[in-house]
Amino acid sequence: MSKAKTNITIKRLVDAAMTALLLLLMAYQVTGDELHEWIGMAMTALVIIHQLLNRRWYGALFRGKYNPYRSITAILNLLLLFSFALTAFCGMSMSGYAVPFLYGMAPVSFVRRMHLSMSHWSFVLMGLHLGLHIPAIASGLSLKDKTKAVLTCIFTCMGGIGLWLFLKSGIQDYLFFRVPFAFLDYDKAGWLVLLENLLMLSFWAFAGTLAARICMSAGRKA
């Protein structure tokens, strides 16, 4: 395997691990306090590794021309990095297990509310980020037209259910600081919580895929 293919494989493995950890982080009622913090630390480490693996992208940030797809990708990546960083900072400022010596770096009343909002923004942006890369990944797969149609239908259905769950759960209130605490159902089965999180993430990935296709189409016309 060439070095380029090895790097791509490593990046995809890191992306997959980050996605899995994100789903667990959003399932706070399943993991509990201590495990949630350690998963958060693992997520922070993977985000740093992800940035190091993509250091060439940052080096080319101010070079070359920007078409619609490159523009939306750059904006989304920077927003995602910012939300991840702020989520990690706020989480460590409230830590009681993983890094308790960092507790109180900022007022707890502030970071608690900010952590709630930024963690859900990270969830939304991560879904969009994944969606932006789906067309490129799909183009590298040798799939028959019928298989593509079936997968598209499945993806669309998952996205529709995910949107309904997203609105039903009231996450939009967390995003815009309308409530100070998350209202979680501790009686719901853990597997169901993770499945619902996956479906909600699928909606944003679906939205990101549509945005990518629209931008690519606009770029070709230009």
N, C-alpha and C. Protein backbone atom coordinates (compact mmCIF):
# COMPACT_ATOMS: atom_id res chain seq x y z
N MET A 1 0.84 -1.20 0.00
CA MET A 1 0.00 0.00 0.00
C MET A 1 0.88 1.25 0.00
N SER A 2 0.56 2.21 -0.88
CA SER A 2 1.35 3.43 -0.98
C SER A 2 1.15 4.29 0.26
N LYS A 3 2.07 5.24 0.43
CA LYS A 3 2.01 6.13 1.59
C LYS A 3 0.74 6.97 1.57
N ALA A 4 0.34 7.42 0.37
CA ALA A 4 -0.87 8.25 0.25
C ALA A 4 -2.11 7.46 0.67
N LYS A 5 -2.20 6.20 0.21
CA LYS A 5 -3.36 5.37 0.57
C LYS A 5 -3.35 5.06 2.06
N THR A 6 -2.16 4.86 2.61
CA THR A 6 -2.05 4.59 4.05
C THR A 6 -2.56 5.79 4.85
N ASN A 7 -2.16 6.98 4.43
CA ASN A 7 -2.61 8.20 5.11
C ASN A 7 -4.12 8.36 5.03
N ILE A 8 -4.69 8.07 3.86
CA ILE A 8 -6.15 8.16 3.69
C ILE A 8 -6.85 7.17 4.60
N THR A 9 -6.31 5.95 4.67
CA THR A 9 -6.90 4.92 5.54
C THR A 9 -6.87 5.35 7.00
N ILE A 10 -5.73 5.89 7.43
CA ILE A 10 -5.59 6.36 8.82
C ILE A 10 -6.60 7.48 9.10
N LYS A 11 -6.72 8.41 8.17
CA LYS A 11 -7.66 9.52 8.35
C LYS A 11 -9.09 9.02 8.48
N ARG A 12 -9.45 8.05 7.66
CA ARG A 12 -10.82 7.51 7.72
C ARG A 12 -11.05 6.75 9.02
N LEU A 13 -10.04 6.05 9.50
CA LEU A 13 -10.17 5.35 10.78
C LEU A 13 -10.36 6.34 11.92
N VAL A 14 -9.59 7.44 11.87
CA VAL A 14 -9.72 8.48 12.90
C VAL A 14 -11.10 9.11 12.82
N ASP A 15 -11.59 9.39 11.61
CA ASP A 15 -12.93 9.95 11.44
C ASP A 15 -14.00 9.01 12.00
N ALA A 16 -13.84 7.71 11.71
CA ALA A 16 -14.81 6.72 12.20
C ALA A 16 -14.79 6.66 13.73
N ALA A 17 -13.59 6.70 14.31
CA ALA A 17 -13.47 6.67 15.77
C ALA A 17 -14.08 7.92 16.39
N MET A 18 -13.85 9.08 15.77
CA MET A 18 -14.42 10.32 16.28
C MET A 18 -15.94 10.29 16.22
N THR A 19 -16.48 9.73 15.14
CA THR A 19 -17.94 9.63 15.01
C THR A 19 -18.52 8.74 16.09
N ALA A 20 -17.86 7.60 16.34
CA ALA A 20 -18.33 6.68 17.37
C ALA A 20 -18.29 7.33 18.76
N LEU A 21 -17.19 8.02 19.05
CA LEU A 21 -17.07 8.69 20.35
C LEU A 21 -18.09 9.82 20.49
N LEU A 22 -18.35 10.52 19.38
CA LEU A 22 -19.34 11.59 19.42
C LEU A 22 -20.72 11.05 19.80
N LEU A 23 -21.09 9.92 19.22
CA LEU A 23 -22.38 9.31 19.53
C LEU A 23 -22.45 8.93 21.02
N LEU A 24 -21.33 8.45 21.56
CA LEU A 24 -21.29 8.10 22.98
C LEU A 24 -21.35 9.35 23.85
N LEU A 25 -20.65 10.41 23.43
CA LEU A 25 -20.66 11.65 24.21
C LEU A 25 -22.05 12.26 24.28
N MET A 26 -22.83 12.09 23.21
CA MET A 26 -24.18 12.64 23.20
C MET A 26 -25.16 11.75 23.97
N ALA A 27 -24.68 10.60 24.41
CA ALA A 27 -25.51 9.68 25.20
C ALA A 27 -25.09 9.75 26.67
N TYR A 28 -25.12 10.91 27.23
CA TYR A 28 -24.67 11.14 28.60
C TYR A 28 -25.43 10.28 29.60
N GLN A 29 -26.74 10.08 29.36
CA GLN A 29 -27.53 9.28 30.29
C GLN A 29 -27.16 7.81 30.27
N VAL A 30 -26.41 7.40 29.25
CA VAL A 30 -25.95 6.01 29.16
C VAL A 30 -24.60 5.83 29.83
N THR A 31 -23.69 6.79 29.61
CA THR A 31 -22.32 6.66 30.11
C THR A 31 -22.13 7.12 31.54
N GLY A 32 -22.87 8.14 31.96
CA GLY A 32 -22.67 8.69 33.29
C GLY A 32 -21.51 9.67 33.31
N ASP A 33 -21.29 10.32 34.46
CA ASP A 33 -20.31 11.40 34.59
C ASP A 33 -18.88 10.99 34.25
N GLU A 34 -18.36 10.00 34.97
CA GLU A 34 -16.94 9.68 34.87
C GLU A 34 -16.57 9.19 33.47
N LEU A 35 -17.34 8.24 32.94
CA LEU A 35 -17.04 7.71 31.61
C LEU A 35 -17.20 8.80 30.55
N HIS A 36 -18.18 9.67 30.75
CA HIS A 36 -18.39 10.78 29.81
C HIS A 36 -17.13 11.65 29.73
N GLU A 37 -16.53 11.91 30.87
CA GLU A 37 -15.33 12.75 30.88
C GLU A 37 -14.15 12.07 30.19
N TRP A 38 -13.96 10.78 30.43
CA TRP A 38 -12.84 10.08 29.81
C TRP A 38 -13.04 9.92 28.30
N ILE A 39 -14.28 9.72 27.89
CA ILE A 39 -14.56 9.68 26.45
C ILE A 39 -14.29 11.05 25.84
N GLY A 40 -14.62 12.10 26.58
CA GLY A 40 -14.35 13.45 26.11
C GLY A 40 -12.86 13.69 25.94
N MET A 41 -12.04 13.18 26.86
CA MET A 41 -10.59 13.32 26.74
C MET A 41 -10.07 12.55 25.53
N ALA A 42 -10.62 11.36 25.31
CA ALA A 42 -10.22 10.58 24.13
C ALA A 42 -10.61 11.31 22.85
N MET A 43 -11.78 11.92 22.86
CA MET A 43 -12.24 12.69 21.71
C MET A 43 -11.31 13.88 21.45
N THR A 44 -10.91 14.55 22.51
CA THR A 44 -9.99 15.69 22.38
C THR A 44 -8.67 15.25 21.76
N ALA A 45 -8.17 14.10 22.19
CA ALA A 45 -6.91 13.57 21.64
C ALA A 45 -7.07 13.25 20.15
N LEU A 46 -8.21 12.66 19.78
CA LEU A 46 -8.44 12.33 18.37
C LEU A 46 -8.59 13.59 17.51
N VAL A 47 -9.21 14.62 18.07
CA VAL A 47 -9.34 15.88 17.32
C VAL A 47 -7.95 16.47 17.05
N ILE A 48 -7.08 16.41 18.04
CA ILE A 48 -5.70 16.91 17.84
C ILE A 48 -4.98 16.09 16.79
N ILE A 49 -5.12 14.76 16.86
CA ILE A 49 -4.50 13.89 15.86
C ILE A 49 -5.05 14.19 14.47
N HIS A 50 -6.35 14.42 14.40
CA HIS A 50 -7.01 14.74 13.13
C HIS A 50 -6.43 16.01 12.52
N GLN A 51 -6.20 17.01 13.36
CA GLN A 51 -5.63 18.27 12.86
C GLN A 51 -4.20 18.06 12.36
N LEU A 52 -3.43 17.25 13.07
CA LEU A 52 -2.06 16.97 12.64
C LEU A 52 -2.03 16.23 11.31
N LEU A 53 -2.96 15.30 11.14
CA LEU A 53 -3.03 14.55 9.89
C LEU A 53 -3.43 15.44 8.71
N ASN A 54 -4.14 16.51 9.02
CA ASN A 54 -4.62 17.42 7.98
C ASN A 54 -3.86 18.75 7.96
N ARG A 55 -2.62 18.72 8.45
CA ARG A 55 -1.86 19.97 8.54
C ARG A 55 -1.59 20.58 7.16
N ARG A 56 -1.50 19.76 6.12
CA ARG A 56 -1.29 20.30 4.78
C ARG A 56 -2.48 21.13 4.32
N TRP A 57 -3.66 20.72 4.76
CA TRP A 57 -4.88 21.46 4.39
C TRP A 57 -4.80 22.88 4.96
N TYR A 58 -4.33 22.99 6.19
CA TYR A 58 -4.21 24.31 6.81
C TYR A 58 -3.13 25.13 6.11
N GLY A 59 -2.08 24.46 5.64
CA GLY A 59 -1.03 25.16 4.95
C GLY A 59 -1.48 25.75 3.62
N ALA A 60 -2.49 25.11 3.02
CA ALA A 60 -2.99 25.58 1.72
C ALA A 60 -4.25 26.44 1.86
N LEU A 61 -4.58 26.79 3.09
CA LEU A 61 -5.84 27.50 3.34
C LEU A 61 -5.93 28.83 2.60
N PHE A 62 -4.83 29.53 2.48
CA PHE A 62 -4.84 30.85 1.84
C PHE A 62 -4.20 30.81 0.45
N ARG A 63 -4.16 29.62 -0.12
CA ARG A 63 -3.61 29.48 -1.46
C ARG A 63 -4.68 29.01 -2.44
N GLY A 64 -4.51 29.40 -3.69
CA GLY A 64 -5.42 28.93 -4.73
C GLY A 64 -6.77 29.61 -4.71
N LYS A 65 -7.59 29.20 -5.67
CA LYS A 65 -8.92 29.78 -5.81
C LYS A 65 -9.93 28.98 -4.99
N TYR A 66 -11.00 29.65 -4.64
CA TYR A 66 -12.07 29.01 -3.87
C TYR A 66 -13.33 28.89 -4.72
N ASN A 67 -13.71 27.64 -4.98
CA ASN A 67 -15.01 27.40 -5.60
C ASN A 67 -16.04 27.21 -4.49
N PRO A 68 -17.33 27.09 -4.80
CA PRO A 68 -18.34 26.95 -3.74
C PRO A 68 -18.09 25.79 -2.78
N TYR A 69 -17.67 24.64 -3.32
CA TYR A 69 -17.45 23.48 -2.46
C TYR A 69 -16.28 23.71 -1.50
N ARG A 70 -15.18 24.24 -2.02
CA ARG A 70 -14.02 24.49 -1.16
C ARG A 70 -14.35 25.54 -0.11
N SER A 71 -15.14 26.53 -0.48
CA SER A 71 -15.49 27.60 0.46
C SER A 71 -16.31 27.07 1.62
N ILE A 72 -17.36 26.29 1.31
CA ILE A 72 -18.23 25.78 2.38
C ILE A 72 -17.47 24.76 3.23
N THR A 73 -16.58 23.99 2.61
CA THR A 73 -15.79 23.02 3.38
C THR A 73 -14.86 23.73 4.36
N ALA A 74 -14.20 24.79 3.89
CA ALA A 74 -13.27 25.52 4.76
C ALA A 74 -14.00 26.18 5.92
N ILE A 75 -15.13 26.82 5.62
CA ILE A 75 -15.91 27.48 6.68
C ILE A 75 -16.38 26.46 7.71
N LEU A 76 -16.91 25.35 7.22
CA LEU A 76 -17.44 24.31 8.12
C LEU A 76 -16.34 23.70 8.98
N ASN A 77 -15.18 23.43 8.37
CA ASN A 77 -14.07 22.84 9.13
C ASN A 77 -13.61 23.76 10.25
N LEU A 78 -13.51 25.05 9.97
CA LEU A 78 -13.05 26.00 10.98
C LEU A 78 -14.09 26.16 12.09
N LEU A 79 -15.36 26.18 11.72
CA LEU A 79 -16.42 26.26 12.73
C LEU A 79 -16.43 25.02 13.61
N LEU A 80 -16.22 23.87 12.99
CA LEU A 80 -16.20 22.61 13.75
C LEU A 80 -15.02 22.58 14.71
N LEU A 81 -13.86 23.02 14.25
CA LEU A 81 -12.69 23.06 15.12
C LEU A 81 -12.93 24.00 16.30
N PHE A 82 -13.53 25.15 16.03
CA PHE A 82 -13.83 26.11 17.10
C PHE A 82 -14.81 25.51 18.11
N SER A 83 -15.86 24.86 17.63
CA SER A 83 -16.86 24.29 18.55
C SER A 83 -16.27 23.14 19.36
N PHE A 84 -15.43 22.32 18.74
CA PHE A 84 -14.76 21.24 19.47
C PHE A 84 -13.87 21.80 20.57
N ALA A 85 -13.09 22.84 20.21
CA ALA A 85 -12.15 23.42 21.17
C ALA A 85 -12.89 24.03 22.35
N LEU A 86 -13.97 24.75 22.08
CA LEU A 86 -14.72 25.39 23.15
C LEU A 86 -15.44 24.35 24.01
N THR A 87 -15.94 23.30 23.38
CA THR A 87 -16.59 22.22 24.13
C THR A 87 -15.59 21.56 25.08
N ALA A 88 -14.38 21.27 24.57
CA ALA A 88 -13.36 20.63 25.38
C ALA A 88 -12.94 21.54 26.54
N PHE A 89 -12.75 22.82 26.25
CA PHE A 89 -12.34 23.76 27.30
C PHE A 89 -13.39 23.83 28.40
N CYS A 90 -14.65 23.94 28.00
CA CYS A 90 -15.73 24.03 29.00
C CYS A 90 -15.86 22.73 29.78
N GLY A 91 -15.71 21.61 29.08
CA GLY A 91 -15.80 20.32 29.76
C GLY A 91 -14.71 20.14 30.80
N MET A 92 -13.48 20.51 30.44
CA MET A 92 -12.37 20.39 31.39
C MET A 92 -12.49 21.37 32.55
N SER A 93 -13.17 22.49 32.31
CA SER A 93 -13.39 23.47 33.38
C SER A 93 -14.37 22.97 34.42
N MET A 94 -15.13 21.91 34.08
CA MET A 94 -16.09 21.33 35.02
C MET A 94 -15.67 19.93 35.46
N SER A 95 -14.49 19.49 35.06
CA SER A 95 -14.07 18.11 35.28
C SER A 95 -13.95 17.76 36.76
N GLY A 96 -14.49 16.58 37.08
CA GLY A 96 -14.37 16.09 38.45
C GLY A 96 -13.63 14.78 38.51
N TYR A 97 -13.29 14.21 37.32
CA TYR A 97 -12.65 12.90 37.27
C TYR A 97 -11.39 12.89 36.41
N ALA A 98 -11.51 13.24 35.14
CA ALA A 98 -10.39 13.12 34.20
C ALA A 98 -9.29 14.13 34.49
N VAL A 99 -9.64 15.41 34.59
CA VAL A 99 -8.65 16.46 34.85
C VAL A 99 -9.20 17.40 35.94
N PRO A 100 -9.37 16.90 37.15
CA PRO A 100 -9.98 17.71 38.21
C PRO A 100 -9.17 18.95 38.57
N PHE A 101 -7.86 18.93 38.28
CA PHE A 101 -7.00 20.08 38.59
C PHE A 101 -7.31 21.28 37.69
N LEU A 102 -8.10 21.06 36.63
CA LEU A 102 -8.49 22.16 35.74
C LEU A 102 -9.87 22.72 36.09
N TYR A 103 -10.47 22.13 37.08
CA TYR A 103 -11.80 22.60 37.49
C TYR A 103 -11.74 24.08 37.91
N GLY A 104 -12.68 24.86 37.39
CA GLY A 104 -12.74 26.27 37.77
C GLY A 104 -11.90 27.19 36.90
N MET A 105 -11.40 26.70 35.74
CA MET A 105 -10.65 27.58 34.84
C MET A 105 -11.50 28.77 34.41
N ALA A 106 -12.80 28.56 34.36
CA ALA A 106 -13.76 29.61 34.03
C ALA A 106 -14.98 29.40 34.92
N PRO A 107 -15.80 30.41 35.12
CA PRO A 107 -16.97 30.26 35.99
C PRO A 107 -17.85 29.08 35.57
N VAL A 108 -18.15 28.21 36.50
CA VAL A 108 -18.90 26.99 36.20
C VAL A 108 -20.27 27.31 35.62
N SER A 109 -20.92 28.34 36.13
CA SER A 109 -22.25 28.70 35.62
C SER A 109 -22.20 29.05 34.13
N PHE A 110 -21.07 29.64 33.71
CA PHE A 110 -20.91 30.00 32.29
C PHE A 110 -20.56 28.79 31.45
N VAL A 111 -19.55 28.00 31.89
CA VAL A 111 -19.09 26.90 31.06
C VAL A 111 -20.12 25.77 30.99
N ARG A 112 -20.96 25.62 31.99
CA ARG A 112 -21.98 24.57 31.95
C ARG A 112 -22.95 24.82 30.80
N ARG A 113 -23.39 26.06 30.69
CA ARG A 113 -24.34 26.41 29.63
C ARG A 113 -23.65 26.41 28.26
N MET A 114 -22.41 26.91 28.23
CA MET A 114 -21.66 26.94 26.98
C MET A 114 -21.34 25.53 26.49
N HIS A 115 -20.99 24.64 27.43
CA HIS A 115 -20.69 23.25 27.08
C HIS A 115 -21.91 22.57 26.47
N LEU A 116 -23.07 22.83 27.03
CA LEU A 116 -24.31 22.25 26.52
C LEU A 116 -24.55 22.69 25.08
N SER A 117 -24.40 23.98 24.84
CA SER A 117 -24.65 24.51 23.49
C SER A 117 -23.58 24.06 22.50
N MET A 118 -22.31 24.21 22.87
CA MET A 118 -21.23 23.90 21.93
C MET A 118 -21.14 22.41 21.61
N SER A 119 -21.48 21.57 22.56
CA SER A 119 -21.44 20.13 22.29
C SER A 119 -22.48 19.76 21.24
N HIS A 120 -23.64 20.40 21.30
CA HIS A 120 -24.66 20.11 20.30
C HIS A 120 -24.35 20.77 18.96
N TRP A 121 -23.68 21.93 19.00
CA TRP A 121 -23.21 22.51 17.74
C TRP A 121 -22.16 21.61 17.11
N SER A 122 -21.30 21.02 17.92
CA SER A 122 -20.30 20.08 17.40
C SER A 122 -20.98 18.88 16.75
N PHE A 123 -22.06 18.42 17.35
CA PHE A 123 -22.82 17.29 16.81
C PHE A 123 -23.38 17.64 15.44
N VAL A 124 -24.01 18.81 15.34
CA VAL A 124 -24.59 19.25 14.07
C VAL A 124 -23.51 19.45 13.01
N LEU A 125 -22.45 20.14 13.37
CA LEU A 125 -21.38 20.44 12.41
C LEU A 125 -20.63 19.18 11.99
N MET A 126 -20.49 18.22 12.92
CA MET A 126 -19.83 16.96 12.57
C MET A 126 -20.67 16.20 11.54
N GLY A 127 -21.98 16.21 11.70
CA GLY A 127 -22.84 15.57 10.72
C GLY A 127 -22.70 16.22 9.35
N LEU A 128 -22.71 17.55 9.31
CA LEU A 128 -22.53 18.27 8.04
C LEU A 128 -21.17 17.97 7.43
N HIS A 129 -20.15 17.92 8.28
CA HIS A 129 -18.79 17.64 7.84
C HIS A 129 -18.71 16.26 7.18
N LEU A 130 -19.31 15.27 7.82
CA LEU A 130 -19.33 13.92 7.24
C LEU A 130 -20.07 13.92 5.91
N GLY A 131 -21.19 14.64 5.86
CA GLY A 131 -21.98 14.69 4.64
C GLY A 131 -21.25 15.30 3.47
N LEU A 132 -20.43 16.31 3.73
CA LEU A 132 -19.68 16.96 2.65
C LEU A 132 -18.70 16.00 1.97
N HIS A 133 -18.26 14.97 2.71
CA HIS A 133 -17.29 14.03 2.15
C HIS A 133 -17.94 12.79 1.54
N ILE A 134 -19.22 12.60 1.75
CA ILE A 134 -19.89 11.40 1.25
C ILE A 134 -19.85 11.30 -0.29
N PRO A 135 -20.14 12.39 -1.04
CA PRO A 135 -20.08 12.27 -2.50
C PRO A 135 -18.71 11.82 -3.01
N ALA A 136 -17.64 12.34 -2.42
CA ALA A 136 -16.29 11.96 -2.85
C ALA A 136 -16.01 10.50 -2.53
N ILE A 137 -16.47 10.03 -1.36
CA ILE A 137 -16.27 8.63 -0.98
C ILE A 137 -17.09 7.72 -1.89
N ALA A 138 -18.34 8.14 -2.15
CA ALA A 138 -19.24 7.32 -2.98
C ALA A 138 -18.73 7.20 -4.40
N SER A 139 -18.09 8.27 -4.90
CA SER A 139 -17.59 8.23 -6.28
C SER A 139 -16.46 7.23 -6.45
N GLY A 140 -15.80 6.89 -5.36
CA GLY A 140 -14.71 5.93 -5.42
C GLY A 140 -15.17 4.49 -5.27
N LEU A 141 -16.47 4.29 -5.07
CA LEU A 141 -17.03 2.95 -4.93
C LEU A 141 -17.67 2.50 -6.24
N SER A 142 -17.46 1.25 -6.58
CA SER A 142 -18.06 0.71 -7.81
C SER A 142 -19.42 0.11 -7.46
N LEU A 143 -20.45 0.95 -7.52
CA LEU A 143 -21.79 0.51 -7.16
C LEU A 143 -22.71 0.56 -8.38
N LYS A 144 -23.58 -0.41 -8.46
CA LYS A 144 -24.57 -0.43 -9.54
C LYS A 144 -25.63 0.64 -9.28
N ASP A 145 -26.30 1.05 -10.34
CA ASP A 145 -27.32 2.10 -10.22
C ASP A 145 -28.43 1.70 -9.24
N LYS A 146 -28.84 0.43 -9.29
CA LYS A 146 -29.89 -0.03 -8.37
C LYS A 146 -29.42 0.04 -6.92
N THR A 147 -28.17 -0.33 -6.71
CA THR A 147 -27.62 -0.28 -5.35
C THR A 147 -27.56 1.16 -4.86
N LYS A 148 -27.14 2.07 -5.73
CA LYS A 148 -27.10 3.49 -5.37
C LYS A 148 -28.49 4.00 -5.03
N ALA A 149 -29.50 3.57 -5.81
CA ALA A 149 -30.87 4.03 -5.57
C ALA A 149 -31.38 3.53 -4.22
N VAL A 150 -31.08 2.26 -3.92
CA VAL A 150 -31.53 1.68 -2.64
C VAL A 150 -30.84 2.39 -1.47
N LEU A 151 -29.54 2.61 -1.59
CA LEU A 151 -28.81 3.28 -0.52
C LEU A 151 -29.29 4.71 -0.34
N THR A 152 -29.61 5.38 -1.45
CA THR A 152 -30.13 6.74 -1.37
C THR A 152 -31.48 6.77 -0.64
N CYS A 153 -32.34 5.81 -0.94
CA CYS A 153 -33.64 5.74 -0.27
C CYS A 153 -33.47 5.49 1.23
N ILE A 154 -32.57 4.58 1.58
CA ILE A 154 -32.33 4.27 3.00
C ILE A 154 -31.79 5.50 3.71
N PHE A 155 -30.82 6.16 3.09
CA PHE A 155 -30.20 7.36 3.66
C PHE A 155 -31.24 8.46 3.84
N THR A 156 -32.12 8.61 2.85
CA THR A 156 -33.17 9.64 2.92
C THR A 156 -34.15 9.35 4.06
N CYS A 157 -34.55 8.09 4.19
CA CYS A 157 -35.47 7.71 5.27
C CYS A 157 -34.83 7.93 6.64
N MET A 158 -33.57 7.54 6.77
CA MET A 158 -32.86 7.75 8.03
C MET A 158 -32.78 9.24 8.36
N GLY A 159 -32.51 10.05 7.33
CA GLY A 159 -32.43 11.50 7.55
C GLY A 159 -33.77 12.09 7.96
N GLY A 160 -34.86 11.61 7.35
CA GLY A 160 -36.19 12.11 7.71
C GLY A 160 -36.55 11.77 9.14
N ILE A 161 -36.28 10.52 9.55
CA ILE A 161 -36.54 10.12 10.94
C ILE A 161 -35.65 10.93 11.88
N GLY A 162 -34.41 11.12 11.47
CA GLY A 162 -33.47 11.89 12.30
C GLY A 162 -33.92 13.31 12.52
N LEU A 163 -34.45 13.95 11.48
CA LEU A 163 -34.96 15.32 11.62
C LEU A 163 -36.12 15.36 12.60
N TRP A 164 -37.01 14.38 12.50
CA TRP A 164 -38.16 14.33 13.42
C TRP A 164 -37.69 14.15 14.86
N LEU A 165 -36.72 13.27 15.09
CA LEU A 165 -36.18 13.07 16.44
C LEU A 165 -35.46 14.32 16.93
N PHE A 166 -34.75 14.98 16.05
CA PHE A 166 -34.01 16.19 16.42
C PHE A 166 -34.96 17.27 16.92
N LEU A 167 -36.04 17.49 16.18
CA LEU A 167 -37.01 18.52 16.57
C LEU A 167 -37.77 18.09 17.82
N LYS A 168 -38.07 16.81 17.92
CA LYS A 168 -38.81 16.29 19.06
C LYS A 168 -38.01 16.41 20.35
N SER A 169 -36.69 16.22 20.27
CA SER A 169 -35.84 16.24 21.46
C SER A 169 -35.56 17.65 21.97
N GLY A 170 -35.87 18.65 21.15
CA GLY A 170 -35.68 20.04 21.57
C GLY A 170 -34.23 20.50 21.57
N ILE A 171 -33.40 19.86 20.74
CA ILE A 171 -31.98 20.22 20.71
C ILE A 171 -31.78 21.66 20.24
N GLN A 172 -32.70 22.15 19.43
CA GLN A 172 -32.59 23.54 18.97
C GLN A 172 -32.58 24.52 20.15
N ASP A 173 -33.21 24.15 21.25
CA ASP A 173 -33.18 25.00 22.45
C ASP A 173 -31.80 25.02 23.08
N TYR A 174 -31.10 23.88 23.02
CA TYR A 174 -29.74 23.83 23.57
C TYR A 174 -28.78 24.65 22.70
N LEU A 175 -28.98 24.59 21.39
CA LEU A 175 -28.09 25.29 20.46
C LEU A 175 -28.08 26.79 20.70
N PHE A 176 -29.25 27.34 21.01
CA PHE A 176 -29.38 28.79 21.11
C PHE A 176 -29.59 29.28 22.55
N PHE A 177 -29.06 28.50 23.51
CA PHE A 177 -29.00 28.91 24.93
C PHE A 177 -30.39 29.22 25.52
N ARG A 178 -31.41 28.51 25.05
CA ARG A 178 -32.75 28.79 25.56
C ARG A 178 -33.03 28.10 26.89
N VAL A 179 -32.29 27.02 27.15
CA VAL A 179 -32.45 26.30 28.42
C VAL A 179 -31.07 26.05 29.02
N PRO A 180 -30.96 26.06 30.34
CA PRO A 180 -29.63 25.89 30.98
C PRO A 180 -29.20 24.44 31.15
N PHE A 181 -30.13 23.51 31.09
CA PHE A 181 -29.80 22.10 31.32
C PHE A 181 -30.45 21.23 30.25
N ALA A 182 -29.83 20.08 29.99
CA ALA A 182 -30.40 19.11 29.06
C ALA A 182 -31.43 18.26 29.78
N PHE A 183 -32.52 17.98 29.10
CA PHE A 183 -33.57 17.13 29.67
C PHE A 183 -33.43 15.74 29.06
N LEU A 184 -32.91 14.81 29.84
CA LEU A 184 -32.58 13.48 29.34
C LEU A 184 -33.50 12.42 29.93
N ASP A 185 -33.77 11.40 29.13
CA ASP A 185 -34.61 10.29 29.57
C ASP A 185 -33.71 9.15 30.05
N TYR A 186 -33.60 9.02 31.37
CA TYR A 186 -32.72 8.00 31.94
C TYR A 186 -33.36 6.62 31.94
N ASP A 187 -34.65 6.54 31.62
CA ASP A 187 -35.32 5.25 31.58
C ASP A 187 -35.24 4.60 30.20
N LYS A 188 -34.79 5.33 29.21
CA LYS A 188 -34.71 4.81 27.84
C LYS A 188 -33.52 3.86 27.73
N ALA A 189 -33.70 2.78 26.98
CA ALA A 189 -32.63 1.79 26.80
C ALA A 189 -31.42 2.44 26.13
N GLY A 190 -30.23 2.01 26.56
CA GLY A 190 -29.00 2.60 26.02
C GLY A 190 -28.88 2.45 24.52
N TRP A 191 -29.22 1.26 23.99
CA TRP A 191 -29.09 1.02 22.55
C TRP A 191 -30.02 1.94 21.77
N LEU A 192 -31.19 2.26 22.36
CA LEU A 192 -32.14 3.13 21.69
C LEU A 192 -31.63 4.58 21.66
N VAL A 193 -31.00 5.00 22.74
CA VAL A 193 -30.41 6.35 22.78
C VAL A 193 -29.35 6.49 21.70
N LEU A 194 -28.48 5.48 21.58
CA LEU A 194 -27.41 5.53 20.57
C LEU A 194 -27.99 5.49 19.15
N LEU A 195 -29.03 4.68 18.96
CA LEU A 195 -29.67 4.60 17.64
C LEU A 195 -30.29 5.94 17.25
N GLU A 196 -30.96 6.58 18.20
CA GLU A 196 -31.57 7.87 17.91
C GLU A 196 -30.51 8.93 17.61
N ASN A 197 -29.40 8.88 18.34
CA ASN A 197 -28.30 9.80 18.05
C ASN A 197 -27.75 9.58 16.65
N LEU A 198 -27.62 8.31 16.26
CA LEU A 198 -27.13 7.98 14.92
C LEU A 198 -28.09 8.50 13.85
N LEU A 199 -29.38 8.35 14.07
CA LEU A 199 -30.37 8.82 13.11
C LEU A 199 -30.34 10.35 12.99
N MET A 200 -30.20 11.03 14.13
CA MET A 200 -30.12 12.49 14.09
C MET A 200 -28.86 12.96 13.38
N LEU A 201 -27.75 12.25 13.63
CA LEU A 201 -26.51 12.57 12.93
C LEU A 201 -26.67 12.32 11.43
N SER A 202 -27.43 11.29 11.08
CA SER A 202 -27.67 10.97 9.67
C SER A 202 -28.40 12.09 8.96
N PHE A 203 -29.31 12.76 9.66
CA PHE A 203 -30.01 13.88 9.02
C PHE A 203 -29.03 14.97 8.63
N TRP A 204 -28.14 15.32 9.52
CA TRP A 204 -27.18 16.39 9.21
C TRP A 204 -26.17 15.94 8.17
N ALA A 205 -25.82 14.64 8.16
CA ALA A 205 -24.97 14.12 7.10
C ALA A 205 -25.69 14.18 5.76
N PHE A 206 -26.97 13.90 5.78
CA PHE A 206 -27.79 13.99 4.57
C PHE A 206 -27.83 15.43 4.06
N ALA A 207 -28.01 16.38 4.97
CA ALA A 207 -28.01 17.80 4.60
C ALA A 207 -26.65 18.21 4.04
N GLY A 208 -25.57 17.71 4.65
CA GLY A 208 -24.23 18.01 4.16
C GLY A 208 -23.99 17.44 2.78
N THR A 209 -24.52 16.25 2.52
CA THR A 209 -24.37 15.63 1.20
C THR A 209 -25.08 16.45 0.14
N LEU A 210 -26.29 16.91 0.44
CA LEU A 210 -27.03 17.76 -0.51
C LEU A 210 -26.27 19.05 -0.78
N ALA A 211 -25.73 19.65 0.29
CA ALA A 211 -24.97 20.89 0.13
C ALA A 211 -23.74 20.66 -0.74
N ALA A 212 -23.07 19.52 -0.54
CA ALA A 212 -21.88 19.21 -1.34
C ALA A 212 -22.24 19.06 -2.81
N ARG A 213 -23.33 18.36 -3.09
CA ARG A 213 -23.74 18.16 -4.49
C ARG A 213 -24.14 19.47 -5.16
N ILE A 214 -24.83 20.32 -4.40
CA ILE A 214 -25.23 21.62 -4.94
C ILE A 214 -23.99 22.47 -5.25
N CYS A 215 -23.03 22.48 -4.32
CA CYS A 215 -21.80 23.27 -4.52
C CYS A 215 -20.98 22.73 -5.68
N MET A 216 -20.90 21.40 -5.78
CA MET A 216 -20.15 20.80 -6.88
C MET A 216 -20.79 21.14 -8.23
N SER A 217 -22.11 21.07 -8.25
CA SER A 217 -22.83 21.41 -9.48
C SER A 217 -22.61 22.87 -9.86
N ALA A 218 -22.67 23.76 -8.86
CA ALA A 218 -22.45 25.18 -9.12
C ALA A 218 -21.03 25.42 -9.61
N GLY A 219 -20.06 24.69 -9.05
CA GLY A 219 -18.68 24.83 -9.47
C GLY A 219 -18.46 24.39 -10.91
N ARG A 220 -19.13 23.27 -11.30
CA ARG A 220 -18.98 22.79 -12.68
C ARG A 220 -19.58 23.79 -13.68
N LYS A 221 -20.72 24.39 -13.32
CA LYS A 221 -21.34 25.37 -14.19
C LYS A 221 -20.47 26.61 -14.33
N ALA A 222 -19.84 27.02 -13.22
CA ALA A 222 -18.96 28.18 -13.26
C ALA A 222 -17.74 27.92 -14.14
